[in-house]
Amino acid sequence: MKAWAMLQRGFTIVELLIVIVVIGILASITVVAYNGVQTRAKQAKMQSDISNVRNLIEAYAAQNGSYPVTGSALNIDWGTATARTDKNCHIGTKTEDWVPGLGTTLPQSNGDEKGAEGYRGCYMYVSDGTSYVVSAWNMSPTVIQNAGAMYRRLGLRETDLGHANQFYVCNHSYIGGTSGGYNAANDYYKHSYTLTNITSCNETPPSGA
């Protein structure tokens, strides 16, 4: 074959397919890596947000002698005070001042964060003045790992629209993902960051948690 003919030889179909497959694999790896970084950044913001809010309510208590109140005494049943939720929440009070009386701008969810069972979550707070729970409740799309003190098996009720009133619940088996057998993907506690001064909750996790 003459030199000019060899120089004008194009790619074969097989070669083109190999290039396309390689590009597709690299693109997939890039998307997965980006999504992982984005998720970790959102989780870091949630942790920072509720840590800052906890500092605010502790400062409030130091000045006023009690934490900002949302209702009557906290009981580990369905009859306790309804929690307050941020303005973009699809359930609860849906207010900017989801911790009342602080007089400062509070973080708000985007309204599209989804956790256990595909239900949306948001920032929530409940307190009787003595005990409090502040949480980025059911806001993480992935099962939270290594959350340290922010992983507590206490928090609020499920976040589907059938449960608009959000009550404080301690280590509840259904909310904990054990209905029909334990599944971390359905465990609200493992999709939430929670800070509280409550120490009376029996937080023994179910087998597999």
C-alpha atoms as a PDB file:
ATOM      1  CA  MET A   1       0.000   0.000   0.000  1.00  0.00           C
ATOM      2  CA  LYS A   2       1.293   3.435  -0.869  1.00  0.00           C
ATOM      3  CA  ALA A   3       2.245   5.822   1.933  1.00  0.00           C
ATOM      4  CA  TRP A   4      -0.480   8.364   1.092  1.00  0.00           C
ATOM      5  CA  ALA A   5      -3.142   5.692   1.254  1.00  0.00           C
ATOM      6  CA  MET A   6      -1.952   4.518   4.696  1.00  0.00           C
ATOM      7  CA  LEU A   7      -2.043   8.082   6.022  1.00  0.00           C
ATOM      8  CA  GLN A   8      -5.718   8.469   4.985  1.00  0.00           C
ATOM      9  CA  ARG A   9      -6.858   5.184   6.591  1.00  0.00           C
ATOM     10  CA  GLY A  10      -9.695   5.897   9.070  1.00  0.00           C
ATOM     11  CA  PHE A  11     -10.744   4.223  12.323  1.00  0.00           C
ATOM     12  CA  THR A  12     -12.511   0.890  12.089  1.00  0.00           C
ATOM     13  CA  ILE A  13     -15.946   0.369  13.674  1.00  0.00           C
ATOM     14  CA  VAL A  14     -14.372  -1.753  16.406  1.00  0.00           C
ATOM     15  CA  GLU A  15     -11.861   0.958  17.241  1.00  0.00           C
ATOM     16  CA  LEU A  16     -14.608   3.585  17.414  1.00  0.00           C
ATOM     17  CA  LEU A  17     -16.709   1.366  19.673  1.00  0.00           C
ATOM     18  CA  ILE A  18     -13.758   0.824  22.017  1.00  0.00           C
ATOM     19  CA  VAL A  19     -13.165   4.591  22.234  1.00  0.00           C
ATOM     20  CA  ILE A  20     -16.869   5.220  22.929  1.00  0.00           C
ATOM     21  CA  VAL A  21     -16.956   2.555  25.659  1.00  0.00           C
ATOM     22  CA  VAL A  22     -13.824   3.969  27.320  1.00  0.00           C
ATOM     23  CA  ILE A  23     -15.265   7.495  27.247  1.00  0.00           C
ATOM     24  CA  GLY A  24     -18.519   6.186  28.745  1.00  0.00           C
ATOM     25  CA  ILE A  25     -16.679   4.434  31.581  1.00  0.00           C
ATOM     26  CA  LEU A  26     -14.622   7.525  32.380  1.00  0.00           C
ATOM     27  CA  ALA A  27     -17.753   9.689  32.329  1.00  0.00           C
ATOM     28  CA  SER A  28     -19.536   7.305  34.714  1.00  0.00           C
ATOM     29  CA  ILE A  29     -16.613   7.328  37.140  1.00  0.00           C
ATOM     30  CA  THR A  30     -16.551  11.131  37.059  1.00  0.00           C
ATOM     31  CA  VAL A  31     -20.295  11.414  37.749  1.00  0.00           C
ATOM     32  CA  VAL A  32     -20.142   8.938  40.657  1.00  0.00           C
ATOM     33  CA  ALA A  33     -17.139  10.723  42.172  1.00  0.00           C
ATOM     34  CA  TYR A  34     -18.842  14.127  41.804  1.00  0.00           C
ATOM     35  CA  ASN A  35     -22.065  12.864  43.384  1.00  0.00           C
ATOM     36  CA  GLY A  36     -20.078  11.438  46.292  1.00  0.00           C
ATOM     37  CA  VAL A  37     -18.286  14.738  46.887  1.00  0.00           C
ATOM     38  CA  GLN A  38     -21.575  16.631  46.629  1.00  0.00           C
ATOM     39  CA  THR A  39     -23.287  14.328  49.152  1.00  0.00           C
ATOM     40  CA  ARG A  40     -20.432  14.648  51.649  1.00  0.00           C
ATOM     41  CA  ALA A  41     -20.500  18.447  51.290  1.00  0.00           C
ATOM     42  CA  LYS A  42     -24.243  18.513  52.018  1.00  0.00           C
ATOM     43  CA  GLN A  43     -23.793  16.243  55.015  1.00  0.00           C
ATOM     44  CA  ALA A  44     -21.016  18.450  56.375  1.00  0.00           C
ATOM     45  CA  LYS A  45     -23.314  21.471  56.050  1.00  0.00           C
ATOM     46  CA  MET A  46     -26.100  19.686  57.927  1.00  0.00           C
ATOM     47  CA  GLN A  47     -23.741  18.873  60.778  1.00  0.00           C
ATOM     48  CA  SER A  48     -22.459  22.439  60.880  1.00  0.00           C
ATOM     49  CA  ASP A  49     -25.989  23.842  60.770  1.00  0.00           C
ATOM     50  CA  ILE A  50     -27.344  21.909  63.728  1.00  0.00           C
ATOM     51  CA  SER A  51     -24.140  22.428  65.707  1.00  0.00           C
ATOM     52  CA  ASN A  52     -24.539  26.180  65.262  1.00  0.00           C
ATOM     53  CA  VAL A  53     -28.221  26.021  66.224  1.00  0.00           C
ATOM     54  CA  ARG A  54     -27.361  23.974  69.311  1.00  0.00           C
ATOM     55  CA  ASN A  55     -24.878  26.672  70.316  1.00  0.00           C
ATOM     56  CA  LEU A  56     -27.589  29.298  69.886  1.00  0.00           C
ATOM     57  CA  ILE A  57     -30.109  27.477  72.074  1.00  0.00           C
ATOM     58  CA  GLU A  58     -27.489  26.809  74.741  1.00  0.00           C
ATOM     59  CA  ALA A  59     -26.685  30.529  74.777  1.00  0.00           C
ATOM     60  CA  TYR A  60     -30.419  31.272  74.972  1.00  0.00           C
ATOM     61  CA  ALA A  61     -30.773  28.904  77.951  1.00  0.00           C
ATOM     62  CA  ALA A  62     -27.811  30.496  79.706  1.00  0.00           C
ATOM     63  CA  GLN A  63     -29.488  33.890  79.422  1.00  0.00           C
ATOM     64  CA  ASN A  64     -33.126  32.904  79.996  1.00  0.00           C
ATOM     65  CA  GLY A  65     -32.931  29.887  82.276  1.00  0.00           C
ATOM     66  CA  SER A  66     -34.609  27.494  79.847  1.00  0.00           C
ATOM     67  CA  TYR A  67     -34.444  26.388  76.232  1.00  0.00           C
ATOM     68  CA  PRO A  68     -36.829  27.854  73.627  1.00  0.00           C
ATOM     69  CA  VAL A  69     -40.131  26.058  74.234  1.00  0.00           C
ATOM     70  CA  THR A  70     -42.247  24.353  71.568  1.00  0.00           C
ATOM     71  CA  GLY A  71     -44.695  22.586  73.859  1.00  0.00           C
ATOM     72  CA  SER A  72     -45.362  20.509  76.948  1.00  0.00           C
ATOM     73  CA  ALA A  73     -43.116  17.872  78.516  1.00  0.00           C
ATOM     74  CA  LEU A  74     -41.347  15.531  76.114  1.00  0.00           C
ATOM     75  CA  ASN A  75     -42.620  11.971  76.404  1.00  0.00           C
ATOM     76  CA  ILE A  76     -41.506   9.008  74.337  1.00  0.00           C
ATOM     77  CA  ASP A  77     -44.960   8.414  72.875  1.00  0.00           C
ATOM     78  CA  TRP A  78     -47.267  10.020  70.335  1.00  0.00           C
ATOM     79  CA  GLY A  79     -48.740  12.490  72.835  1.00  0.00           C
ATOM     80  CA  THR A  80     -45.866  14.899  73.247  1.00  0.00           C
ATOM     81  CA  ALA A  81     -45.336  18.392  71.842  1.00  0.00           C
ATOM     82  CA  THR A  82     -45.324  18.897  68.098  1.00  0.00           C
ATOM     83  CA  ALA A  83     -41.897  19.788  66.751  1.00  0.00           C
ATOM     84  CA  ARG A  84     -41.210  22.927  64.755  1.00  0.00           C
ATOM     85  CA  THR A  85     -39.944  22.565  61.185  1.00  0.00           C
ATOM     86  CA  ASP A  86     -38.155  24.932  58.796  1.00  0.00           C
ATOM     87  CA  LYS A  87     -39.986  26.995  56.186  1.00  0.00           C
ATOM     88  CA  ASN A  88     -39.215  24.625  53.285  1.00  0.00           C
ATOM     89  CA  CYS A  89     -40.390  21.522  55.109  1.00  0.00           C
ATOM     90  CA  HIS A  90     -43.448  19.771  53.645  1.00  0.00           C
ATOM     91  CA  ILE A  91     -44.821  18.922  57.100  1.00  0.00           C
ATOM     92  CA  GLY A  92     -45.017  20.494  60.555  1.00  0.00           C
ATOM     93  CA  THR A  93     -45.012  24.229  61.298  1.00  0.00           C
ATOM     94  CA  LYS A  94     -43.071  25.253  58.137  1.00  0.00           C
ATOM     95  CA  THR A  95     -41.626  28.422  59.678  1.00  0.00           C
ATOM     96  CA  GLU A  96     -38.379  30.357  59.271  1.00  0.00           C
ATOM     97  CA  ASP A  97     -38.016  30.622  63.070  1.00  0.00           C
ATOM     98  CA  TRP A  98     -38.224  26.860  63.597  1.00  0.00           C
ATOM     99  CA  VAL A  99     -36.443  27.480  66.904  1.00  0.00           C
ATOM    100  CA  PRO A 100     -38.628  30.208  68.435  1.00  0.00           C
ATOM    101  CA  GLY A 101     -37.317  33.281  70.189  1.00  0.00           C
ATOM    102  CA  LEU A 102     -33.725  33.302  68.935  1.00  0.00           C
ATOM    103  CA  GLY A 103     -34.160  36.429  66.828  1.00  0.00           C
ATOM    104  CA  THR A 104     -31.606  35.350  64.244  1.00  0.00           C
ATOM    105  CA  THR A 105     -31.556  33.780  60.800  1.00  0.00           C
ATOM    106  CA  LEU A 106     -31.716  29.999  60.956  1.00  0.00           C
ATOM    107  CA  PRO A 107     -30.649  27.466  58.299  1.00  0.00           C
ATOM    108  CA  GLN A 108     -33.416  26.165  56.054  1.00  0.00           C
ATOM    109  CA  SER A 109     -33.628  22.928  54.107  1.00  0.00           C
ATOM    110  CA  ASN A 110     -33.927  23.076  50.324  1.00  0.00           C
ATOM    111  CA  GLY A 111     -37.192  21.178  50.413  1.00  0.00           C
ATOM    112  CA  ASP A 112     -35.882  18.316  48.286  1.00  0.00           C
ATOM    113  CA  GLU A 113     -33.601  16.398  50.677  1.00  0.00           C
ATOM    114  CA  LYS A 114     -34.729  12.772  50.850  1.00  0.00           C
ATOM    115  CA  GLY A 115     -33.733  10.083  53.319  1.00  0.00           C
ATOM    116  CA  ALA A 116     -35.259   6.813  54.502  1.00  0.00           C
ATOM    117  CA  GLU A 117     -37.949   5.286  52.297  1.00  0.00           C
ATOM    118  CA  GLY A 118     -37.558   8.169  49.831  1.00  0.00           C
ATOM    119  CA  TYR A 119     -39.379  10.632  52.101  1.00  0.00           C
ATOM    120  CA  ARG A 120     -38.203  14.220  52.362  1.00  0.00           C
ATOM    121  CA  GLY A 121     -36.615  15.538  55.530  1.00  0.00           C
ATOM    122  CA  CYS A 122     -35.837  18.953  57.004  1.00  0.00           C
ATOM    123  CA  TYR A 123     -34.544  20.813  60.059  1.00  0.00           C
ATOM    124  CA  MET A 124     -36.621  20.183  63.174  1.00  0.00           C
ATOM    125  CA  TYR A 125     -36.636  21.271  66.809  1.00  0.00           C
ATOM    126  CA  VAL A 126     -38.663  20.288  69.863  1.00  0.00           C
ATOM    127  CA  SER A 127     -38.257  21.320  73.499  1.00  0.00           C
ATOM    128  CA  ASP A 128     -40.204  21.581  76.737  1.00  0.00           C
ATOM    129  CA  GLY A 129     -37.735  24.139  78.083  1.00  0.00           C
ATOM    130  CA  THR A 130     -35.660  21.523  79.899  1.00  0.00           C
ATOM    131  CA  SER A 131     -34.952  18.912  77.234  1.00  0.00           C
ATOM    132  CA  TYR A 132     -34.421  19.548  73.551  1.00  0.00           C
ATOM    133  CA  VAL A 133     -33.885  17.757  70.246  1.00  0.00           C
ATOM    134  CA  VAL A 134     -32.484  19.607  67.225  1.00  0.00           C
ATOM    135  CA  SER A 135     -32.031  17.630  64.063  1.00  0.00           C
ATOM    136  CA  ALA A 136     -31.334  17.531  60.355  1.00  0.00           C
ATOM    137  CA  TRP A 137     -34.002  14.852  60.328  1.00  0.00           C
ATOM    138  CA  ASN A 138     -34.094  12.329  57.467  1.00  0.00           C
ATOM    139  CA  MET A 139     -32.114  14.701  55.239  1.00  0.00           C
ATOM    140  CA  SER A 140     -29.294  12.404  54.118  1.00  0.00           C
ATOM    141  CA  PRO A 141     -29.900  10.367  50.929  1.00  0.00           C
ATOM    142  CA  THR A 142     -27.295   7.826  52.038  1.00  0.00           C
ATOM    143  CA  VAL A 143     -26.923   5.880  55.272  1.00  0.00           C
ATOM    144  CA  ILE A 144     -24.791   8.085  57.514  1.00  0.00           C
ATOM    145  CA  GLN A 145     -21.497   6.575  58.615  1.00  0.00           C
ATOM    146  CA  ASN A 146     -19.217   7.704  61.435  1.00  0.00           C
ATOM    147  CA  ALA A 147     -21.529  10.471  62.669  1.00  0.00           C
ATOM    148  CA  GLY A 148     -20.180  10.208  66.204  1.00  0.00           C
ATOM    149  CA  ALA A 149     -22.249  12.078  68.776  1.00  0.00           C
ATOM    150  CA  MET A 150     -24.660  13.221  66.046  1.00  0.00           C
ATOM    151  CA  TYR A 151     -25.908   9.668  65.480  1.00  0.00           C
ATOM    152  CA  ARG A 152     -28.583   9.212  68.111  1.00  0.00           C
ATOM    153  CA  ARG A 153     -31.392   6.710  68.122  1.00  0.00           C
ATOM    154  CA  LEU A 154     -33.873   9.378  69.121  1.00  0.00           C
ATOM    155  CA  GLY A 155     -35.518  12.020  67.015  1.00  0.00           C
ATOM    156  CA  LEU A 156     -38.844  12.748  65.355  1.00  0.00           C
ATOM    157  CA  ARG A 157     -41.676  10.877  63.693  1.00  0.00           C
ATOM    158  CA  GLU A 158     -41.605   9.597  60.099  1.00  0.00           C
ATOM    159  CA  THR A 159     -41.643  12.321  57.456  1.00  0.00           C
ATOM    160  CA  ASP A 160     -44.322  11.131  55.041  1.00  0.00           C
ATOM    161  CA  LEU A 161     -47.373  13.346  54.566  1.00  0.00           C
ATOM    162  CA  GLY A 162     -49.522  10.921  56.556  1.00  0.00           C
ATOM    163  CA  HIS A 163     -47.595  11.941  59.669  1.00  0.00           C
ATOM    164  CA  ALA A 164     -47.729  15.732  59.543  1.00  0.00           C
ATOM    165  CA  ASN A 165     -47.335  16.135  63.310  1.00  0.00           C
ATOM    166  CA  GLN A 166     -43.721  15.499  64.282  1.00  0.00           C
ATOM    167  CA  PHE A 167     -43.327  14.109  67.793  1.00  0.00           C
ATOM    168  CA  TYR A 168     -40.184  13.229  69.717  1.00  0.00           C
ATOM    169  CA  VAL A 169     -39.640   9.466  69.681  1.00  0.00           C
ATOM    170  CA  CYS A 170     -36.964   7.393  71.430  1.00  0.00           C
ATOM    171  CA  ASN A 171     -35.486   4.451  69.495  1.00  0.00           C
ATOM    172  CA  HIS A 172     -38.817   3.481  67.952  1.00  0.00           C
ATOM    173  CA  SER A 173     -38.669   0.122  66.164  1.00  0.00           C
ATOM    174  CA  TYR A 174     -40.574   1.144  63.025  1.00  0.00           C
ATOM    175  CA  ILE A 175     -38.812   4.480  62.622  1.00  0.00           C
ATOM    176  CA  GLY A 176     -35.616   2.556  63.263  1.00  0.00           C
ATOM    177  CA  GLY A 177     -36.150   0.400  60.197  1.00  0.00           C
ATOM    178  CA  THR A 178     -37.199  -2.884  61.820  1.00  0.00           C
ATOM    179  CA  SER A 179     -40.704  -3.203  60.421  1.00  0.00           C
ATOM    180  CA  GLY A 180     -40.603  -6.397  58.367  1.00  0.00           C
ATOM    181  CA  GLY A 181     -36.950  -6.978  59.316  1.00  0.00           C
ATOM    182  CA  TYR A 182     -34.172  -4.459  59.823  1.00  0.00           C
ATOM    183  CA  ASN A 183     -33.057  -2.466  56.788  1.00  0.00           C
ATOM    184  CA  ALA A 184     -30.654   0.468  57.235  1.00  0.00           C
ATOM    185  CA  ALA A 185     -32.050   2.104  54.093  1.00  0.00           C
ATOM    186  CA  ASN A 186     -35.375   2.481  55.947  1.00  0.00           C
ATOM    187  CA  ASP A 187     -33.832   3.573  59.253  1.00  0.00           C
ATOM    188  CA  TYR A 188     -34.644   7.242  59.820  1.00  0.00           C
ATOM    189  CA  TYR A 189     -32.072   7.502  62.597  1.00  0.00           C
ATOM    190  CA  LYS A 190     -29.338   6.531  60.134  1.00  0.00           C
ATOM    191  CA  HIS A 191     -30.388   9.252  57.696  1.00  0.00           C
ATOM    192  CA  SER A 192     -30.383  12.029  60.298  1.00  0.00           C
ATOM    193  CA  TYR A 193     -28.002  14.165  62.310  1.00  0.00           C
ATOM    194  CA  THR A 194     -29.342  14.816  65.806  1.00  0.00           C
ATOM    195  CA  LEU A 195     -28.143  16.747  68.850  1.00  0.00           C
ATOM    196  CA  THR A 196     -29.919  16.596  72.202  1.00  0.00           C
ATOM    197  CA  ASN A 197     -29.379  16.832  75.945  1.00  0.00           C
ATOM    198  CA  ILE A 198     -31.684  13.856  76.591  1.00  0.00           C
ATOM    199  CA  THR A 199     -29.918  10.994  78.367  1.00  0.00           C
ATOM    200  CA  SER A 200     -32.895   8.862  79.429  1.00  0.00           C
ATOM    201  CA  CYS A 201     -33.467   7.252  76.025  1.00  0.00           C
ATOM    202  CA  ASN A 202     -32.570   3.558  75.692  1.00  0.00           C
ATOM    203  CA  GLU A 203     -30.593   3.783  72.454  1.00  0.00           C
ATOM    204  CA  THR A 204     -29.616   0.146  71.980  1.00  0.00           C
ATOM    205  CA  PRO A 205     -29.671  -0.314  68.192  1.00  0.00           C
ATOM    206  CA  PRO A 206     -31.419  -3.240  66.511  1.00  0.00           C
ATOM    207  CA  SER A 207     -29.321  -6.131  65.249  1.00  0.00           C
ATOM    208  CA  GLY A 208     -27.565  -5.080  62.038  1.00  0.00           C
ATOM    209  CA  ALA A 209     -27.643  -1.329  62.731  1.00  0.00           C
END
